[in-house]
Every structure is written in C-alpha cells, then in structure tokens.
Protein backbone atom coordinates (compact mmCIF):
# COMPACT_ATOMS: atom_id res chain seq x y z
CA MET A 1 155.34 0.68 74.57
CA LEU A 2 158.60 3.04 73.94
CA SER A 3 157.88 5.97 71.72
CA LYS A 4 161.44 6.41 70.93
CA PRO A 5 164.46 4.16 70.60
CA PHE A 6 167.20 4.07 72.61
CA MET A 7 170.42 4.71 71.02
CA THR A 8 173.87 3.35 72.50
CA THR A 9 176.83 5.08 73.22
CA HIS A 10 178.51 4.26 69.71
CA GLU A 11 175.82 6.21 67.95
CA ILE A 12 175.75 8.95 70.68
CA ALA A 13 179.47 9.58 70.08
CA GLU A 14 179.55 9.26 66.59
CA LEU A 15 176.35 11.86 66.04
CA LEU A 16 177.88 14.49 68.41
CA LYS A 17 181.24 13.85 67.01
CA VAL A 18 183.11 12.54 70.18
CA ARG A 19 184.83 10.24 71.42
CA GLU A 20 183.11 7.10 73.09
CA GLN A 21 184.64 6.89 76.18
CA THR A 22 183.16 10.45 76.33
CA VAL A 23 179.77 9.94 76.00
CA ARG A 24 180.22 6.75 78.97
CA THR A 25 182.30 9.79 81.25
CA TRP A 26 179.31 11.77 80.97
CA ILE A 27 176.82 8.70 82.03
CA HIS A 28 179.08 7.54 84.97
CA GLN A 29 179.47 11.34 85.97
CA GLN A 30 175.55 11.41 85.89
CA GLU A 31 175.17 14.77 83.77
CA LEU A 32 173.67 12.01 80.62
CA ARG A 33 170.82 9.96 81.84
CA ALA A 34 171.20 6.28 80.94
CA VAL A 35 169.83 2.83 81.64
CA LYS A 36 171.85 -0.07 81.83
CA LEU A 37 170.80 -3.29 79.96
CA GLY A 38 173.44 -5.88 80.24
CA ARG A 39 176.68 -4.89 79.88
CA GLU A 40 176.07 -2.07 77.47
CA PHE A 41 174.03 1.62 78.42
CA ARG A 42 171.51 2.81 76.12
CA VAL A 43 170.61 6.69 76.24
CA ALA A 44 166.38 7.79 75.32
CA VAL A 45 166.98 10.36 72.41
CA LYS A 46 164.49 12.26 75.02
CA ASP A 47 167.33 12.36 77.72
CA LEU A 48 170.06 13.63 75.12
CA GLU A 49 168.22 16.28 73.81
CA ALA A 50 167.72 17.51 76.98
CA PHE A 51 171.80 17.05 77.65
CA VAL A 52 172.23 18.78 74.81
CA ASN A 53 169.50 21.47 75.78
CA GLU A 54 171.80 21.81 79.04
CA HIS A 55 174.72 22.64 77.60
CA ALA A 56 173.70 25.27 74.95
CA THR A 57 175.59 27.70 75.59
CA ARG A 58 172.53 30.23 74.80
CA GLU A 59 168.52 29.88 74.23
CA PRO A 60 167.58 28.57 71.23
CA SER A 61 166.18 31.25 68.46
CA TRP A 62 162.34 30.56 68.81
CA THR A 63 162.32 31.66 72.42
CA ASN A 64 163.36 35.32 71.48
CA THR A 65 160.59 38.04 72.37
CA ASP A 66 160.96 39.25 68.84
CA ALA A 67 160.06 36.08 67.42
CA PRO A 68 156.37 35.57 66.02
CA ASP A 69 154.16 34.21 68.76
CA ARG A 70 153.46 30.28 68.22
CA PRO A 71 150.34 28.91 68.28
C-alpha cells in the first residue's frame, strides 16, 4: 500500500503558488516525476519534495557544519 498520497497538478500549483500549466510543463519536460492515471497526472509527495530540493538555491541549514550533530 502507498505510504503517502499522490497530489494533483492543481494541489501542487496552489501549494507552490504557480499556475497549473507550469506544473504540467515541469512534468512534460521530465523535471518533475509524475504518474498518469487516466487523463490526469499525479505526483508522489516524495517526488515533489525531491523536485523542490533540487531547485533550492542553497543547502538546507541543518547540513551546515556549525550545526550540532544529529543522532
């Protein structure tokens, strides 16, 4: 069974504050991994997280060497 739900292009557009067509463009250009179910695309939450991380301008603050060690 799936551990996390899939998101629609509409949900992603609302979340990221972009047009739905922008999300579809990312999918068609194979920048954002998606699954086509019927006529609609769905994106796994982990794939959206990976996409956002790949497009970040810098590393997350918790990867900084000054940060305390994590268990």
